[in-house]
């Protein structure tokens, strides 16, 4: 006699929503007005140096770098550590 096999139906568990990470880098307006630091060049530096999945310039829809008057906002949908952001800042400044 052959044993009867039963198959279980596997239910998919709904995944968690990915949390969007948002880092804000601010600077005093006096520093920008006196041209001590060029935020435009720092924004370009971040766009060139941020690695996504181990590759440079691989932003796609995952990472956005925006600049206002005296702040730079980095938003990410992929894992991105604050320590890495601080590392890039320390190299630039």
PDB file of N, CA and C in Angstrom:
ATOM      1  N   UNK A   1       0.830  -1.167   0.000  1.00  0.00           N
ATOM      2  CA  UNK A   1       0.000   0.000   0.000  1.00  0.00           C
ATOM      3  C   UNK A   1       0.888   1.248   0.000  1.00  0.00           C
ATOM      4  N   UNK A   2       0.575   2.210  -0.837  1.00  0.00           N
ATOM      5  CA  UNK A   2       1.339   3.445  -0.964  1.00  0.00           C
ATOM      6  C   UNK A   2       0.781   4.467   0.024  1.00  0.00           C
ATOM      7  N   UNK A   3       1.685   5.142   0.803  1.00  0.00           N
ATOM      8  CA  UNK A   3       1.178   6.139   1.744  1.00  0.00           C
ATOM      9  C   UNK A   3       0.579   7.333   0.997  1.00  0.00           C
ATOM     10  N   UNK A   4      -0.440   7.882   1.564  1.00  0.00           N
ATOM     11  CA  UNK A   4      -1.127   9.025   0.962  1.00  0.00           C
ATOM     12  C   UNK A   4      -0.337  10.308   1.255  1.00  0.00           C
ATOM     13  N   UNK A   5      -0.040  11.070   0.218  1.00  0.00           N
ATOM     14  CA  UNK A   5       0.708  12.311   0.392  1.00  0.00           C
ATOM     15  C   UNK A   5      -0.266  13.478   0.420  1.00  0.00           C
ATOM     16  N   UNK A   6      -0.031  14.369   1.337  1.00  0.00           N
ATOM     17  CA  UNK A   6      -0.849  15.581   1.395  1.00  0.00           C
ATOM     18  C   UNK A   6       0.058  16.774   1.154  1.00  0.00           C
ATOM     19  N   UNK A   7      -0.453  17.699   0.423  1.00  0.00           N
ATOM     20  CA  UNK A   7       0.296  18.911   0.128  1.00  0.00           C
ATOM     21  C   UNK A   7      -0.344  20.071   0.877  1.00  0.00           C
ATOM     22  N   UNK A   8       0.505  20.817   1.530  1.00  0.00           N
ATOM     23  CA  UNK A   8       0.003  21.979   2.245  1.00  0.00           C
ATOM     24  C   UNK A   8       0.098  23.192   1.335  1.00  0.00           C
ATOM     25  N   UNK A   9      -0.885  24.012   1.443  1.00  0.00           N
ATOM     26  CA  UNK A   9      -0.880  25.250   0.681  1.00  0.00           C
ATOM     27  C   UNK A   9      -0.079  26.286   1.478  1.00  0.00           C
ATOM     28  N   UNK A  10       0.913  26.848   0.852  1.00  0.00           N
ATOM     29  CA  UNK A  10       1.759  27.826   1.526  1.00  0.00           C
ATOM     30  C   UNK A  10       1.163  29.206   1.305  1.00  0.00           C
ATOM     31  N   UNK A  11       0.923  29.894   2.398  1.00  0.00           N
ATOM     32  CA  UNK A  11       0.372  31.235   2.305  1.00  0.00           C
ATOM     33  C   UNK A  11       1.506  32.246   2.347  1.00  0.00           C
ATOM     34  N   UNK A  12       1.393  33.235   1.488  1.00  0.00           N
ATOM     35  CA  UNK A  12       2.398  34.290   1.476  1.00  0.00           C
ATOM     36  C   UNK A  12       2.081  35.294   2.574  1.00  0.00           C
ATOM     37  N   UNK A  13       3.097  35.619   3.311  1.00  0.00           N
ATOM     38  CA  UNK A  13       2.958  36.610   4.369  1.00  0.00           C
ATOM     39  C   UNK A  13       3.242  37.968   3.749  1.00  0.00           C
ATOM     40  N   UNK A  14       2.337  38.917   3.942  1.00  0.00           N
ATOM     41  CA  UNK A  14       2.604  40.229   3.348  1.00  0.00           C
ATOM     42  C   UNK A  14       3.867  40.837   3.939  1.00  0.00           C
ATOM     43  N   UNK A  15       4.730  41.345   3.071  1.00  0.00           N
ATOM     44  CA  UNK A  15       5.996  41.914   3.516  1.00  0.00           C
ATOM     45  C   UNK A  15       5.805  43.254   4.197  1.00  0.00           C
ATOM     46  N   UNK A  16       6.788  43.620   4.951  1.00  0.00           N
ATOM     47  CA  UNK A  16       6.757  44.913   5.614  1.00  0.00           C
ATOM     48  C   UNK A  16       7.026  45.998   4.583  1.00  0.00           C
ATOM     49  N   UNK A  17       6.446  47.155   4.814  1.00  0.00           N
ATOM     50  CA  UNK A  17       6.737  48.279   3.944  1.00  0.00           C
ATOM     51  C   UNK A  17       8.161  48.740   4.225  1.00  0.00           C
ATOM     52  N   UNK A  18       8.882  49.019   3.168  1.00  0.00           N
ATOM     53  CA  UNK A  18      10.249  49.484   3.360  1.00  0.00           C
ATOM     54  C   UNK A  18      10.215  50.921   3.843  1.00  0.00           C
ATOM     55  N   UNK A  19      10.967  51.157   4.875  1.00  0.00           N
ATOM     56  CA  UNK A  19      11.007  52.482   5.453  1.00  0.00           C
ATOM     57  C   UNK A  19      11.947  53.362   4.641  1.00  0.00           C
ATOM     58  N   UNK A  20      11.479  54.540   4.325  1.00  0.00           N
ATOM     59  CA  UNK A  20      12.299  55.476   3.581  1.00  0.00           C
ATOM     60  C   UNK A  20      13.198  56.224   4.560  1.00  0.00           C
ATOM     61  N   UNK A  21      14.492  56.166   4.322  1.00  0.00           N
ATOM     62  CA  UNK A  21      15.461  56.839   5.184  1.00  0.00           C
ATOM     63  C   UNK A  21      15.686  58.252   4.667  1.00  0.00           C
ATOM     64  N   UNK A  22      15.796  59.191   5.581  1.00  0.00           N
ATOM     65  CA  UNK A  22      15.978  60.585   5.193  1.00  0.00           C
ATOM     66  C   UNK A  22      17.052  61.199   6.076  1.00  0.00           C
ATOM     67  N   UNK A  23      18.122  61.665   5.451  1.00  0.00           N
ATOM     68  CA  UNK A  23      19.220  62.315   6.165  1.00  0.00           C
ATOM     69  C   UNK A  23      19.278  63.772   5.728  1.00  0.00           C
ATOM     70  N   UNK A  24      19.416  64.662   6.690  1.00  0.00           N
ATOM     71  CA  UNK A  24      19.493  66.084   6.396  1.00  0.00           C
ATOM     72  C   UNK A  24      20.850  66.605   6.843  1.00  0.00           C
ATOM     73  N   UNK A  25      21.534  67.275   5.932  1.00  0.00           N
ATOM     74  CA  UNK A  25      22.830  67.872   6.227  1.00  0.00           C
ATOM     75  C   UNK A  25      22.636  69.380   6.146  1.00  0.00           C
ATOM     76  N   UNK A  26      22.821  70.050   7.258  1.00  0.00           N
ATOM     77  CA  UNK A  26      22.588  71.482   7.304  1.00  0.00           C
ATOM     78  C   UNK A  26      23.881  72.259   7.466  1.00  0.00           C
ATOM     79  N   UNK A  27      23.807  73.535   7.107  1.00  0.00           N
ATOM     80  CA  UNK A  27      24.965  74.415   7.240  1.00  0.00           C
ATOM     81  C   UNK A  27      24.452  75.805   7.595  1.00  0.00           C
ATOM     82  N   UNK A  28      25.226  76.534   8.369  1.00  0.00           N
ATOM     83  CA  UNK A  28      24.841  77.885   8.754  1.00  0.00           C
ATOM     84  C   UNK A  28      24.854  78.791   7.524  1.00  0.00           C
ATOM     85  N   UNK A  29      23.859  79.662   7.392  1.00  0.00           N
ATOM     86  CA  UNK A  29      23.811  80.547   6.214  1.00  0.00           C
ATOM     87  C   UNK A  29      25.039  81.445   6.092  1.00  0.00           C
ATOM     88  N   UNK A  30      25.629  81.825   7.223  1.00  0.00           N
ATOM     89  CA  UNK A  30      26.813  82.690   7.192  1.00  0.00           C
ATOM     90  C   UNK A  30      27.974  82.012   6.471  1.00  0.00           C
ATOM     91  N   UNK A  31      28.115  80.714   6.679  1.00  0.00           N
ATOM     92  CA  UNK A  31      29.206  79.963   6.049  1.00  0.00           C
ATOM     93  C   UNK A  31      29.023  79.933   4.534  1.00  0.00           C
ATOM     94  N   UNK A  32      27.786  79.802   4.090  1.00  0.00           N
ATOM     95  CA  UNK A  32      27.515  79.761   2.652  1.00  0.00           C
ATOM     96  C   UNK A  32      27.667  81.149   2.039  1.00  0.00           C
ATOM     97  N   UNK A  33      27.195  82.192   2.749  1.00  0.00           N
ATOM     98  CA  UNK A  33      27.291  83.558   2.229  1.00  0.00           C
ATOM     99  C   UNK A  33      28.733  84.006   2.066  1.00  0.00           C
ATOM    100  N   UNK A  34      29.606  83.597   2.959  1.00  0.00           N
ATOM    101  CA  UNK A  34      31.011  83.995   2.890  1.00  0.00           C
ATOM    102  C   UNK A  34      31.836  83.068   2.003  1.00  0.00           C
ATOM    103  N   UNK A  35      31.191  82.130   1.326  1.00  0.00           N
ATOM    104  CA  UNK A  35      31.842  81.182   0.404  1.00  0.00           C
ATOM    105  C   UNK A  35      32.940  80.362   1.075  1.00  0.00           C
ATOM    106  N   UNK A  36      32.720  80.010   2.324  1.00  0.00           N
ATOM    107  CA  UNK A  36      33.656  79.121   3.005  1.00  0.00           C
ATOM    108  C   UNK A  36      33.476  77.703   2.482  1.00  0.00           C
ATOM    109  N   UNK A  37      32.213  77.305   2.316  1.00  0.00           N
ATOM    110  CA  UNK A  37      31.887  75.976   1.793  1.00  0.00           C
ATOM    111  C   UNK A  37      30.916  76.144   0.637  1.00  0.00           C
ATOM    112  N   UNK A  38      31.179  75.478  -0.461  1.00  0.00           N
ATOM    113  CA  UNK A  38      30.262  75.494  -1.596  1.00  0.00           C
ATOM    114  C   UNK A  38      29.364  74.264  -1.507  1.00  0.00           C
ATOM    115  N   UNK A  39      28.100  74.495  -1.176  1.00  0.00           N
ATOM    116  CA  UNK A  39      27.176  73.371  -1.061  1.00  0.00           C
ATOM    117  C   UNK A  39      26.893  72.755  -2.421  1.00  0.00           C
ATOM    118  N   UNK A  40      27.009  73.533  -3.470  1.00  0.00           N
ATOM    119  CA  UNK A  40      26.796  72.991  -4.817  1.00  0.00           C
ATOM    120  C   UNK A  40      27.841  71.917  -5.128  1.00  0.00           C
ATOM    121  N   UNK A  41      29.081  72.167  -4.778  1.00  0.00           N
ATOM    122  CA  UNK A  41      30.123  71.168  -5.034  1.00  0.00           C
ATOM    123  C   UNK A  41      29.987  69.966  -4.091  1.00  0.00           C
ATOM    124  N   UNK A  42      29.508  70.198  -2.859  1.00  0.00           N
ATOM    125  CA  UNK A  42      29.299  69.088  -1.932  1.00  0.00           C
ATOM    126  C   UNK A  42      28.167  68.184  -2.411  1.00  0.00           C
ATOM    127  N   UNK A  43      27.124  68.779  -2.974  1.00  0.00           N
ATOM    128  CA  UNK A  43      26.031  67.982  -3.539  1.00  0.00           C
ATOM    129  C   UNK A  43      26.545  67.127  -4.694  1.00  0.00           C
ATOM    130  N   UNK A  44      27.360  67.708  -5.560  1.00  0.00           N
ATOM    131  CA  UNK A  44      27.952  66.947  -6.659  1.00  0.00           C
ATOM    132  C   UNK A  44      28.858  65.837  -6.160  1.00  0.00           C
ATOM    133  N   UNK A  45      29.604  66.120  -5.100  1.00  0.00           N
ATOM    134  CA  UNK A  45      30.477  65.105  -4.505  1.00  0.00           C
ATOM    135  C   UNK A  45      29.668  63.918  -4.000  1.00  0.00           C
ATOM    136  N   UNK A  46      28.559  64.203  -3.308  1.00  0.00           N
ATOM    137  CA  UNK A  46      27.716  63.120  -2.806  1.00  0.00           C
ATOM    138  C   UNK A  46      27.135  62.298  -3.954  1.00  0.00           C
ATOM    139  N   UNK A  47      26.710  62.959  -5.017  1.00  0.00           N
ATOM    140  CA  UNK A  47      26.138  62.236  -6.160  1.00  0.00           C
ATOM    141  C   UNK A  47      27.182  61.350  -6.835  1.00  0.00           C
ATOM    142  N   UNK A  48      28.438  61.765  -6.804  1.00  0.00           N
ATOM    143  CA  UNK A  48      29.504  60.966  -7.419  1.00  0.00           C
ATOM    144  C   UNK A  48      29.941  59.808  -6.526  1.00  0.00           C
ATOM    145  N   UNK A  49      29.913  59.989  -5.207  1.00  0.00           N
ATOM    146  CA  UNK A  49      30.553  59.042  -4.300  1.00  0.00           C
ATOM    147  C   UNK A  49      29.629  58.058  -3.589  1.00  0.00           C
ATOM    148  N   UNK A  50      28.326  58.303  -3.575  1.00  0.00           N
ATOM    149  CA  UNK A  50      27.430  57.385  -2.862  1.00  0.00           C
ATOM    150  C   UNK A  50      27.329  56.083  -3.639  1.00  0.00           C
ATOM    151  N   UNK A  51      27.559  54.986  -2.938  1.00  0.00           N
ATOM    152  CA  UNK A  51      27.460  53.659  -3.547  1.00  0.00           C
ATOM    153  C   UNK A  51      26.110  53.036  -3.198  1.00  0.00           C
ATOM    154  N   UNK A  52      25.458  52.469  -4.210  1.00  0.00           N
ATOM    155  CA  UNK A  52      24.216  51.725  -4.010  1.00  0.00           C
ATOM    156  C   UNK A  52      24.466  50.323  -4.539  1.00  0.00           C
ATOM    157  N   UNK A  53      24.300  49.336  -3.687  1.00  0.00           N
ATOM    158  CA  UNK A  53      24.572  47.933  -4.023  1.00  0.00           C
ATOM    159  C   UNK A  53      26.013  47.735  -4.486  1.00  0.00           C
ATOM    160  N   UNK A  54      26.942  48.474  -3.888  1.00  0.00           N
ATOM    161  CA  UNK A  54      28.358  48.305  -4.176  1.00  0.00           C
ATOM    162  C   UNK A  54      28.844  48.976  -5.441  1.00  0.00           C
ATOM    163  N   UNK A  55      28.006  49.805  -6.085  1.00  0.00           N
ATOM    164  CA  UNK A  55      28.406  50.455  -7.333  1.00  0.00           C
ATOM    165  C   UNK A  55      28.202  51.958  -7.223  1.00  0.00           C
ATOM    166  N   UNK A  56      29.132  52.706  -7.794  1.00  0.00           N
ATOM    167  CA  UNK A  56      29.009  54.155  -7.835  1.00  0.00           C
ATOM    168  C   UNK A  56      28.005  54.556  -8.909  1.00  0.00           C
ATOM    169  N   UNK A  57      27.367  55.710  -8.711  1.00  0.00           N
ATOM    170  CA  UNK A  57      26.395  56.269  -9.665  1.00  0.00           C
ATOM    171  C   UNK A  57      25.308  55.274 -10.028  1.00  0.00           C
ATOM    172  N   UNK A  58      24.823  54.527  -9.056  1.00  0.00           N
ATOM    173  CA  UNK A  58      23.793  53.517  -9.281  1.00  0.00           C
ATOM    174  C   UNK A  58      22.530  53.914  -8.518  1.00  0.00           C
ATOM    175  N   UNK A  59      22.123  55.187  -8.631  1.00  0.00           N
ATOM    176  CA  UNK A  59      20.999  55.685  -7.844  1.00  0.00           C
ATOM    177  C   UNK A  59      19.679  55.061  -8.263  1.00  0.00           C
ATOM    178  N   UNK A  60      19.330  55.204  -9.528  1.00  0.00           N
ATOM    179  CA  UNK A  60      18.033  54.731  -9.987  1.00  0.00           C
ATOM    180  C   UNK A  60      16.927  55.460  -9.246  1.00  0.00           C
ATOM    181  N   UNK A  61      15.944  54.714  -8.786  1.00  0.00           N
ATOM    182  CA  UNK A  61      14.839  55.289  -8.023  1.00  0.00           C
ATOM    183  C   UNK A  61      15.060  55.128  -6.526  1.00  0.00           C
ATOM    184  N   UNK A  62      16.201  54.592  -6.143  1.00  0.00           N
ATOM    185  CA  UNK A  62      16.429  54.246  -4.743  1.00  0.00           C
ATOM    186  C   UNK A  62      16.966  55.393  -3.898  1.00  0.00           C
ATOM    187  N   UNK A  63      17.818  56.225  -4.454  1.00  0.00           N
ATOM    188  CA  UNK A  63      18.464  57.286  -3.676  1.00  0.00           C
ATOM    189  C   UNK A  63      18.289  58.615  -4.404  1.00  0.00           C
ATOM    190  N   UNK A  64      17.935  59.647  -3.639  1.00  0.00           N
ATOM    191  CA  UNK A  64      17.795  60.991  -4.191  1.00  0.00           C
ATOM    192  C   UNK A  64      18.611  61.955  -3.340  1.00  0.00           C
ATOM    193  N   UNK A  65      19.321  62.869  -4.005  1.00  0.00           N
ATOM    194  CA  UNK A  65      20.076  63.910  -3.314  1.00  0.00           C
ATOM    195  C   UNK A  65      19.515  65.239  -3.789  1.00  0.00           C
ATOM    196  N   UNK A  66      18.992  66.036  -2.843  1.00  0.00           N
ATOM    197  CA  UNK A  66      18.400  67.326  -3.168  1.00  0.00           C
ATOM    198  C   UNK A  66      19.085  68.411  -2.354  1.00  0.00           C
ATOM    199  N   UNK A  67      19.115  69.616  -2.916  1.00  0.00           N
ATOM    200  CA  UNK A  67      19.754  70.730  -2.219  1.00  0.00           C
ATOM    201  C   UNK A  67      18.795  71.902  -2.147  1.00  0.00           C
ATOM    202  N   UNK A  68      18.655  72.478  -0.952  1.00  0.00           N
ATOM    203  CA  UNK A  68      17.928  73.722  -0.746  1.00  0.00           C
ATOM    204  C   UNK A  68      18.970  74.813  -0.535  1.00  0.00           C
ATOM    205  N   UNK A  69      18.560  75.929   0.031  1.00  0.00           N
ATOM    206  CA  UNK A  69      19.498  77.026   0.242  1.00  0.00           C
ATOM    207  C   UNK A  69      20.663  76.628   1.139  1.00  0.00           C
ATOM    208  N   UNK A  70      20.363  76.091   2.307  1.00  0.00           N
ATOM    209  CA  UNK A  70      21.439  75.749   3.239  1.00  0.00           C
ATOM    210  C   UNK A  70      21.330  74.323   3.775  1.00  0.00           C
ATOM    211  N   UNK A  71      20.606  73.446   3.087  1.00  0.00           N
ATOM    212  CA  UNK A  71      20.512  72.051   3.503  1.00  0.00           C
ATOM    213  C   UNK A  71      20.608  71.130   2.297  1.00  0.00           C
ATOM    214  N   UNK A  72      21.139  69.957   2.543  1.00  0.00           N
ATOM    215  CA  UNK A  72      21.153  68.888   1.543  1.00  0.00           C
ATOM    216  C   UNK A  72      20.377  67.729   2.149  1.00  0.00           C
ATOM    217  N   UNK A  73      19.427  67.193   1.389  1.00  0.00           N
ATOM    218  CA  UNK A  73      18.583  66.104   1.868  1.00  0.00           C
ATOM    219  C   UNK A  73      18.879  64.864   1.039  1.00  0.00           C
ATOM    220  N   UNK A  74      19.253  63.781   1.722  1.00  0.00           N
ATOM    221  CA  UNK A  74      19.515  62.498   1.075  1.00  0.00           C
ATOM    222  C   UNK A  74      18.401  61.551   1.502  1.00  0.00           C
ATOM    223  N   UNK A  75      17.597  61.086   0.545  1.00  0.00           N
ATOM    224  CA  UNK A  75      16.539  60.123   0.840  1.00  0.00           C
ATOM    225  C   UNK A  75      16.884  58.810   0.165  1.00  0.00           C
ATOM    226  N   UNK A  76      16.611  57.718   0.870  1.00  0.00           N
ATOM    227  CA  UNK A  76      17.004  56.407   0.372  1.00  0.00           C
ATOM    228  C   UNK A  76      15.919  55.380   0.661  1.00  0.00           C
ATOM    229  N   UNK A  77      15.653  54.515  -0.309  1.00  0.00           N
ATOM    230  CA  UNK A  77      14.719  53.407  -0.130  1.00  0.00           C
ATOM    231  C   UNK A  77      15.454  52.101   0.124  1.00  0.00           C
ATOM    232  N   UNK A  78      16.764  52.117   0.045  1.00  0.00           N
ATOM    233  CA  UNK A  78      17.584  50.931   0.290  1.00  0.00           C
ATOM    234  C   UNK A  78      18.357  51.157   1.587  1.00  0.00           C
ATOM    235  N   UNK A  79      18.866  50.104   2.209  1.00  0.00           N
ATOM    236  CA  UNK A  79      19.646  50.289   3.439  1.00  0.00           C
ATOM    237  C   UNK A  79      20.834  51.224   3.208  1.00  0.00           C
ATOM    238  N   UNK A  80      20.935  52.222   4.048  1.00  0.00           N
ATOM    239  CA  UNK A  80      21.947  53.265   3.903  1.00  0.00           C
ATOM    240  C   UNK A  80      22.280  53.726   5.308  1.00  0.00           C
ATOM    241  N   UNK A  81      23.515  53.570   5.721  1.00  0.00           N
ATOM    242  CA  UNK A  81      23.856  53.866   7.113  1.00  0.00           C
ATOM    243  C   UNK A  81      24.240  55.331   7.296  1.00  0.00           C
ATOM    244  N   UNK A  82      23.928  55.823   8.465  1.00  0.00           N
ATOM    245  CA  UNK A  82      24.293  57.187   8.820  1.00  0.00           C
ATOM    246  C   UNK A  82      25.803  57.308   8.932  1.00  0.00           C
ATOM    247  N   UNK A  83      26.433  56.242   9.355  1.00  0.00           N
ATOM    248  CA  UNK A  83      27.889  56.234   9.471  1.00  0.00           C
ATOM    249  C   UNK A  83      28.538  56.453   8.102  1.00  0.00           C
ATOM    250  N   UNK A  84      27.971  55.882   7.040  1.00  0.00           N
ATOM    251  CA  UNK A  84      28.508  56.063   5.685  1.00  0.00           C
ATOM    252  C   UNK A  84      28.363  57.518   5.249  1.00  0.00           C
ATOM    253  N   UNK A  85      27.245  58.132   5.600  1.00  0.00           N
ATOM    254  CA  UNK A  85      27.054  59.541   5.279  1.00  0.00           C
ATOM    255  C   UNK A  85      28.087  60.400   6.003  1.00  0.00           C
ATOM    256  N   UNK A  86      28.321  60.110   7.286  1.00  0.00           N
ATOM    257  CA  UNK A  86      29.323  60.850   8.049  1.00  0.00           C
ATOM    258  C   UNK A  86      30.721  60.631   7.478  1.00  0.00           C
ATOM    259  N   UNK A  87      30.994  59.450   7.002  1.00  0.00           N
ATOM    260  CA  UNK A  87      32.288  59.151   6.382  1.00  0.00           C
ATOM    261  C   UNK A  87      32.495  60.027   5.151  1.00  0.00           C
ATOM    262  N   UNK A  88      31.478  60.123   4.295  1.00  0.00           N
ATOM    263  CA  UNK A  88      31.595  60.948   3.093  1.00  0.00           C
ATOM    264  C   UNK A  88      31.776  62.422   3.452  1.00  0.00           C
ATOM    265  N   UNK A  89      31.087  62.875   4.505  1.00  0.00           N
ATOM    266  CA  UNK A  89      31.245  64.267   4.936  1.00  0.00           C
ATOM    267  C   UNK A  89      32.660  64.533   5.419  1.00  0.00           C
ATOM    268  N   UNK A  90      33.204  63.612   6.196  1.00  0.00           N
ATOM    269  CA  UNK A  90      34.542  63.839   6.746  1.00  0.00           C
ATOM    270  C   UNK A  90      35.602  63.830   5.655  1.00  0.00           C
ATOM    271  N   UNK A  91      35.412  63.041   4.610  1.00  0.00           N
ATOM    272  CA  UNK A  91      36.361  63.033   3.503  1.00  0.00           C
ATOM    273  C   UNK A  91      36.304  64.356   2.740  1.00  0.00           C
ATOM    274  N   UNK A  92      35.097  64.899   2.537  1.00  0.00           N
ATOM    275  CA  UNK A  92      34.945  66.142   1.771  1.00  0.00           C
ATOM    276  C   UNK A  92      35.471  67.347   2.534  1.00  0.00           C
ATOM    277  N   UNK A  93      35.127  67.434   3.832  1.00  0.00           N
ATOM    278  CA  UNK A  93      35.528  68.603   4.606  1.00  0.00           C
ATOM    279  C   UNK A  93      36.861  68.348   5.229  1.00  0.00           C
TER     280      UNK A  93
END
